[in-house]
Amino acid sequence: MTRTIVASATKEIVIGFDQPFCVIGERINPTGRKKLAAEMIEGNFDTVIKDALAQVAAGATMLDINAGVTAVNPNETEPPLLVKTLDIVQGLVDIPLSIDSSVSAAIEAGLKVAKGRPLVNSVTGEDEKLEAILPLIKKYNVPVVAISNDETGISEDPDVRFAVAKKIVERAADYGIPACDIVVDPLVMPIGAMGTAGRQVFHLLRRLREELKVNTTCGLSNISFGLPHRHGINSAFIPMVIASGMTSAIMNPCRPQEMEMVRAGNVLAGNDPNCQEWIMNYRDYKPGGAEGAPAGPDAPAAGASRRRGGREARLRQG
């Protein structure tokens, strides 16, 4: 069974098919967050601190750390800012981190200060990127996210994306990097723009698990991009990708509905022994109450609840 090991200074996490789904908190990323980007440029890390603590409290397994605040001179600006951010977060929380950058110099700077065994996010199938990143992965003995696109871009054909993933795994092997240290991102397309996006990723995940035997991840919310009530789509997507073989996702753990689906997926996949985590999190759950989900238009009416109860009683009697 494929096991990808990540670690902080004192805490080791295993990503694997027989392990609980790994939730990689996405919030410490200034991309699309102008306020956070401005704060980080000014040396203000209040939001970084708040987001780090909130994500861990919500149940994140790991935290993704990105410091790409500007496209202007990123080779100069990003490495020191990433190092500073990593230092702050490592001083606050003790869970493994993902070093997220498209700048090779920033990745290496981060690897020099990261404690434990971080995940590197990411490498693509482009030859230039492979030659820049894979030696760092080997040198620092860390796992890496492999994104299934190359010089030709992102293919709409899932079998082409599988071929790119296979190329990365094989090229990594040439450097002595085992497949267990490659976590493939099969690239989730927005379902609103491509109606087959869900079926594509389920197909890809099964192939990646059965043929390449690699762990997988994705930017979870990509599936719902452009649609209203995105969290409803995201929540439905989670147990479906878990059932298809996905073992981690970069997502927002501060969304209770989505974390509920992660925990339910773990139960149903047999990766929450004796339902212990589920019971610990929901033993006091009361729909619509102070300790449960807030009442709203999606909450069942009292009459509906009674009707279901009557039907269930009749079934038991039968």
Protein backbone atom coordinates (compact mmCIF):
# COMPACT_ATOMS: atom_id res chain seq x y z
CA MET A 1 0.00 0.00 0.00
CA THR A 2 1.40 3.39 -1.02
CA ARG A 3 2.28 5.57 1.94
CA THR A 4 3.46 9.19 1.58
CA ILE A 5 5.10 10.44 4.77
CA VAL A 6 4.97 14.13 5.70
CA ALA A 7 6.01 15.57 9.03
CA SER A 8 6.43 18.67 11.14
CA ALA A 9 9.15 18.92 13.77
CA THR A 10 7.41 16.36 15.99
CA LYS A 11 4.28 15.11 14.19
CA GLU A 12 4.22 12.58 11.35
CA ILE A 13 1.26 12.15 9.00
CA VAL A 14 0.71 9.34 6.52
CA ILE A 15 -1.16 9.98 3.27
CA GLY A 16 -2.48 6.72 1.90
CA PHE A 17 -5.43 4.72 0.60
CA ASP A 18 -5.94 3.13 4.02
CA GLN A 19 -5.58 6.42 5.90
CA PRO A 20 -8.02 9.22 6.78
CA PHE A 21 -8.39 11.78 4.00
CA CYS A 22 -5.64 14.40 4.31
CA VAL A 23 -7.06 17.94 4.46
CA ILE A 24 -4.47 20.49 3.31
CA GLY A 25 -5.64 23.92 4.46
CA GLU A 26 -5.59 26.41 1.60
CA ARG A 27 -6.10 29.75 3.35
CA ILE A 28 -2.51 30.99 3.64
CA ASN A 29 -2.34 31.99 -0.01
CA PRO A 30 -2.52 35.61 -1.21
CA THR A 31 -3.62 34.62 -4.71
CA GLY A 32 -6.98 36.31 -5.22
CA ARG A 33 -6.84 37.81 -1.70
CA LYS A 34 -5.77 41.42 -2.18
CA LYS A 35 -6.01 42.29 1.51
CA LEU A 36 -3.79 39.38 2.54
CA ALA A 37 -1.28 40.16 -0.23
CA ALA A 38 -1.08 43.80 0.86
CA GLU A 39 -0.59 42.79 4.50
CA MET A 40 2.20 40.35 3.68
CA ILE A 41 4.01 42.90 1.51
CA GLU A 42 3.87 45.33 4.45
CA GLY A 43 5.21 42.68 6.84
CA ASN A 44 1.86 42.32 8.61
CA PHE A 45 1.15 38.65 9.35
CA ASP A 46 -1.97 39.06 11.50
CA THR A 47 -4.21 37.33 8.95
CA VAL A 48 -1.65 34.57 8.38
CA ILE A 49 -1.61 33.89 12.12
CA LYS A 50 -5.41 33.95 12.36
CA ASP A 51 -5.85 31.66 9.35
CA ALA A 52 -3.22 29.19 10.57
CA LEU A 53 -4.83 28.81 13.98
CA ALA A 54 -8.38 28.68 12.58
CA GLN A 55 -7.58 25.98 10.05
CA VAL A 56 -5.89 23.75 12.61
CA ALA A 57 -8.80 24.23 15.02
CA ALA A 58 -11.20 23.25 12.21
CA GLY A 59 -9.39 19.97 11.60
CA ALA A 60 -6.74 20.58 8.92
CA THR A 61 -4.20 17.78 8.61
CA MET A 62 -1.62 20.01 6.91
CA LEU A 63 -1.30 23.68 5.93
CA ASP A 64 -0.38 24.95 2.47
CA ILE A 65 1.91 28.00 2.62
CA ASN A 66 2.11 30.35 -0.36
CA ALA A 67 3.81 33.76 -0.46
CA GLY A 68 3.31 34.68 -4.12
CA VAL A 69 2.19 38.25 -3.50
CA THR A 70 3.36 39.73 -6.79
CA ALA A 71 4.40 38.78 -10.31
CA VAL A 72 7.05 41.51 -10.23
CA ASN A 73 10.53 40.09 -9.58
CA PRO A 74 9.21 36.94 -7.78
CA ASN A 75 12.70 35.40 -7.80
CA GLU A 76 13.79 38.23 -5.51
CA THR A 77 10.68 38.96 -3.47
CA GLU A 78 9.16 35.54 -2.90
CA PRO A 79 11.99 33.53 -1.26
CA PRO A 80 12.48 35.77 1.82
CA LEU A 81 8.73 36.27 2.26
CA LEU A 82 8.06 32.54 2.06
CA VAL A 83 10.80 31.88 4.63
CA LYS A 84 9.30 34.46 6.98
CA THR A 85 5.81 33.00 6.58
CA LEU A 86 7.04 29.45 7.19
CA ASP A 87 8.91 30.55 10.31
CA ILE A 88 5.80 32.23 11.73
CA VAL A 89 3.47 29.32 11.00
CA GLN A 90 5.92 26.72 12.34
CA GLY A 91 6.10 28.72 15.56
CA LEU A 92 2.31 28.58 15.92
CA VAL A 93 1.22 25.09 14.93
CA ASP A 94 2.69 21.63 14.91
CA ILE A 95 1.28 19.99 11.81
CA PRO A 96 3.11 19.31 8.52
CA LEU A 97 3.32 22.06 5.92
CA SER A 98 3.13 22.24 2.14
CA ILE A 99 5.58 24.65 0.50
CA ASP A 100 3.57 26.16 -2.34
CA SER A 101 5.41 28.10 -5.05
CA SER A 102 6.09 28.16 -8.77
CA VAL A 103 9.47 29.81 -8.08
CA SER A 104 12.31 27.29 -7.74
CA ALA A 105 14.41 29.65 -5.62
CA ALA A 106 11.52 30.10 -3.19
CA ILE A 107 11.00 26.35 -2.91
CA GLU A 108 14.64 25.76 -2.06
CA ALA A 109 14.67 28.65 0.43
CA GLY A 110 11.60 27.14 2.08
CA LEU A 111 13.12 23.67 2.19
CA LYS A 112 16.16 25.05 4.00
CA VAL A 113 14.06 26.32 6.92
CA ALA A 114 11.15 23.87 6.96
CA LYS A 115 11.10 21.49 9.88
CA GLY A 116 10.33 17.81 9.48
CA ARG A 117 9.32 16.56 6.04
CA PRO A 118 7.18 19.09 4.15
CA LEU A 119 5.30 18.50 0.92
CA VAL A 120 6.46 20.56 -2.07
CA ASN A 121 3.68 22.06 -4.19
CA SER A 122 4.51 21.57 -7.06
CA VAL A 123 6.13 20.27 -10.24
CA THR A 124 4.55 19.93 -13.69
CA GLY A 125 5.41 17.69 -16.63
CA GLU A 126 7.34 20.47 -18.38
CA ASP A 127 10.94 19.37 -18.90
CA GLU A 128 12.29 22.67 -17.58
CA LYS A 129 10.29 22.34 -14.37
CA LEU A 130 11.25 18.69 -13.90
CA GLU A 131 14.93 19.53 -14.24
CA ALA A 132 14.62 22.38 -11.73
CA ILE A 133 12.44 20.75 -9.06
CA LEU A 134 13.22 17.02 -9.02
CA PRO A 135 16.87 17.51 -7.92
CA LEU A 136 15.55 19.52 -4.94
CA ILE A 137 13.09 16.76 -4.08
CA LYS A 138 15.92 14.24 -4.11
CA LYS A 139 18.35 16.48 -2.23
CA TYR A 140 15.94 17.24 0.63
CA ASN A 141 14.18 13.84 0.55
CA VAL A 142 10.66 15.26 0.48
CA PRO A 143 7.46 14.39 -1.41
CA VAL A 144 6.10 16.58 -4.22
CA VAL A 145 2.75 17.35 -5.84
CA ALA A 146 2.86 16.46 -9.55
CA ILE A 147 0.42 18.49 -11.65
CA SER A 148 -0.78 16.74 -14.79
CA ASN A 149 0.03 19.38 -17.40
CA ASP A 150 3.10 19.99 -19.55
CA GLU A 151 4.35 22.27 -22.34
CA THR A 152 1.14 21.66 -24.29
CA GLY A 153 -1.01 23.02 -21.46
CA ILE A 154 -3.92 21.31 -19.71
CA SER A 155 -5.54 18.68 -21.86
CA GLU A 156 -9.30 18.10 -21.73
CA ASP A 157 -8.57 14.42 -22.39
CA PRO A 158 -8.14 12.61 -19.04
CA ASP A 159 -5.98 9.93 -20.65
CA VAL A 160 -3.52 12.61 -21.79
CA ARG A 161 -3.39 13.94 -18.24
CA PHE A 162 -2.73 10.39 -17.02
CA ALA A 163 0.17 10.11 -19.50
CA VAL A 164 1.67 13.34 -18.11
CA ALA A 165 1.40 12.00 -14.56
CA LYS A 166 3.08 8.77 -15.66
CA LYS A 167 5.88 10.77 -17.28
CA ILE A 168 6.51 12.64 -14.01
CA VAL A 169 6.55 9.44 -11.96
CA GLU A 170 9.00 7.83 -14.40
CA ARG A 171 11.23 10.90 -14.55
CA ALA A 172 11.26 11.04 -10.74
CA ALA A 173 12.35 7.41 -10.66
CA ASP A 174 15.35 8.38 -12.80
CA TYR A 175 16.41 10.64 -9.91
CA GLY A 176 15.85 7.85 -7.38
CA ILE A 177 12.59 9.35 -6.11
CA PRO A 178 10.02 6.61 -5.30
CA ALA A 179 6.43 6.75 -6.51
CA CYS A 180 5.25 7.02 -2.92
CA ASP A 181 6.76 10.52 -2.84
CA ILE A 182 4.78 11.67 -5.87
CA VAL A 183 1.30 12.99 -5.05
CA VAL A 184 -0.49 13.50 -8.35
CA ASP A 185 -2.91 16.34 -8.99
CA PRO A 186 -5.07 15.10 -11.89
CA LEU A 187 -6.40 18.63 -12.44
CA VAL A 188 -10.06 19.07 -11.60
CA MET A 189 -11.93 21.06 -14.24
CA PRO A 190 -14.93 23.30 -13.42
CA ILE A 191 -18.11 21.27 -13.82
CA GLY A 192 -20.00 24.40 -14.89
CA ALA A 193 -17.77 24.73 -17.95
CA MET A 194 -17.24 21.03 -18.67
CA GLY A 195 -20.13 18.75 -17.90
CA THR A 196 -17.90 15.65 -17.92
CA ALA A 197 -15.42 17.07 -15.38
CA GLY A 198 -16.70 14.91 -12.53
CA ARG A 199 -16.64 11.66 -14.51
CA GLN A 200 -13.21 12.56 -15.87
CA VAL A 201 -11.62 12.97 -12.47
CA PHE A 202 -13.24 9.80 -11.08
CA HIS A 203 -11.85 7.87 -14.08
CA LEU A 204 -8.41 9.41 -13.62
CA LEU A 205 -8.29 8.72 -9.90
CA ARG A 206 -9.02 5.03 -10.40
CA ARG A 207 -6.27 4.74 -13.01
CA LEU A 208 -3.78 6.61 -10.84
CA ARG A 209 -4.53 4.34 -7.90
CA GLU A 210 -4.62 1.05 -9.77
CA GLU A 211 -1.94 1.59 -12.43
CA LEU A 212 0.56 4.09 -10.98
CA LYS A 213 -0.31 3.34 -7.33
CA VAL A 214 0.24 6.96 -6.34
CA ASN A 215 -1.48 9.18 -3.83
CA THR A 216 -3.47 12.09 -5.17
CA THR A 217 -4.62 15.61 -4.36
CA CYS A 218 -6.45 18.50 -6.00
CA GLY A 219 -7.63 22.06 -5.54
CA LEU A 220 -11.04 20.90 -4.33
CA SER A 221 -13.06 24.04 -5.06
CA ASN A 222 -12.05 24.07 -8.73
CA ILE A 223 -14.97 21.71 -9.39
CA SER A 224 -17.55 24.36 -8.45
CA PHE A 225 -15.90 27.44 -9.98
CA GLY A 226 -18.43 29.83 -11.50
CA LEU A 227 -21.50 28.20 -9.93
CA PRO A 228 -23.81 29.48 -7.19
CA HIS A 229 -23.77 27.77 -3.78
CA ARG A 230 -20.32 26.34 -4.46
CA HIS A 231 -20.07 24.64 -1.09
CA GLY A 232 -22.98 22.36 -1.93
CA ILE A 233 -21.14 21.09 -5.01
CA ASN A 234 -17.85 20.83 -3.10
CA SER A 235 -19.50 18.83 -0.33
CA ALA A 236 -21.01 16.33 -2.75
CA PHE A 237 -17.69 16.02 -4.56
CA ILE A 238 -15.69 15.05 -1.48
CA PRO A 239 -17.12 11.57 -0.74
CA MET A 240 -17.20 10.81 -4.47
CA VAL A 241 -13.47 11.47 -4.93
CA ILE A 242 -12.68 9.58 -1.73
CA ALA A 243 -14.58 6.59 -3.11
CA SER A 244 -12.64 6.92 -6.37
CA GLY A 245 -9.27 6.84 -4.61
CA MET A 246 -8.27 10.43 -3.87
CA THR A 247 -6.25 10.63 -0.66
CA SER A 248 -5.90 14.38 0.00
CA ALA A 249 -7.16 17.77 -1.13
CA ILE A 250 -6.18 21.41 -0.83
CA MET A 251 -9.35 22.94 0.59
CA ASN A 252 -10.82 25.27 3.19
CA PRO A 253 -11.28 23.30 6.44
CA CYS A 254 -13.20 26.20 7.97
CA ARG A 255 -16.28 25.18 5.96
CA PRO A 256 -18.16 22.88 8.39
CA GLN A 257 -20.31 21.30 5.68
CA GLU A 258 -17.23 20.24 3.71
CA MET A 259 -15.38 18.92 6.75
CA GLU A 260 -18.48 16.95 7.68
CA MET A 261 -18.31 15.24 4.29
CA VAL A 262 -14.60 14.48 4.76
CA ARG A 263 -15.31 12.82 8.08
CA ALA A 264 -18.30 10.94 6.67
CA GLY A 265 -16.16 9.80 3.75
CA ASN A 266 -13.56 8.47 6.18
CA VAL A 267 -16.24 6.50 8.02
CA LEU A 268 -17.71 5.00 4.86
CA ALA A 269 -14.30 4.18 3.37
CA GLY A 270 -13.37 2.29 6.54
CA ASN A 271 -10.64 4.77 7.45
CA ASP A 272 -12.16 5.90 10.76
CA PRO A 273 -11.84 2.80 12.97
CA ASN A 274 -14.93 2.26 15.11
CA CYS A 275 -16.17 5.67 13.89
CA GLN A 276 -14.11 7.24 16.68
CA GLU A 277 -13.38 10.57 14.95
CA TRP A 278 -16.98 10.90 13.80
CA ILE A 279 -18.32 10.28 17.29
CA MET A 280 -15.81 12.64 18.85
CA ASN A 281 -16.84 15.46 16.50
CA TYR A 282 -20.60 14.89 16.38
CA ARG A 283 -21.72 13.15 19.58
CA ASP A 284 -23.42 16.39 20.69
CA TYR A 285 -24.76 17.31 17.27
CA LYS A 286 -28.26 18.81 17.30
CA PRO A 287 -29.71 19.94 13.96
CA GLY A 288 -30.58 23.61 14.16
CA GLY A 289 -29.33 23.88 17.72
CA ALA A 290 -26.45 25.76 19.22
CA GLU A 291 -24.17 22.76 18.87
CA GLY A 292 -25.40 21.70 15.42
CA ALA A 293 -25.91 23.22 12.01
CA PRO A 294 -27.84 26.51 11.99
CA ALA A 295 -31.49 26.22 11.06
CA GLY A 296 -32.22 27.46 7.56
CA PRO A 297 -34.03 26.70 4.35
CA ASP A 298 -32.27 23.35 4.03
CA ALA A 299 -33.23 22.20 7.54
CA PRO A 300 -36.03 19.58 7.65
CA ALA A 301 -39.38 20.75 8.93
CA ALA A 302 -40.65 19.24 12.16
CA GLY A 303 -43.48 17.53 10.30
CA ALA A 304 -41.06 15.98 7.83
CA SER A 305 -39.02 14.67 10.72
CA ARG A 306 -42.09 13.09 12.30
CA ARG A 307 -43.13 11.55 8.99
CA ARG A 308 -39.72 9.97 8.55
CA GLY A 309 -39.82 8.68 12.10
CA GLY A 310 -43.23 7.09 11.51
CA ARG A 311 -42.05 5.46 8.31
CA GLU A 312 -38.93 4.11 10.00
CA ALA A 313 -41.08 2.70 12.83
CA ARG A 314 -43.33 0.95 10.36
CA LEU A 315 -40.29 -0.53 8.57
CA ARG A 316 -38.95 -1.84 11.86
CA GLN A 317 -42.30 -3.39 12.70
CA GLY A 318 -42.48 -5.01 9.26
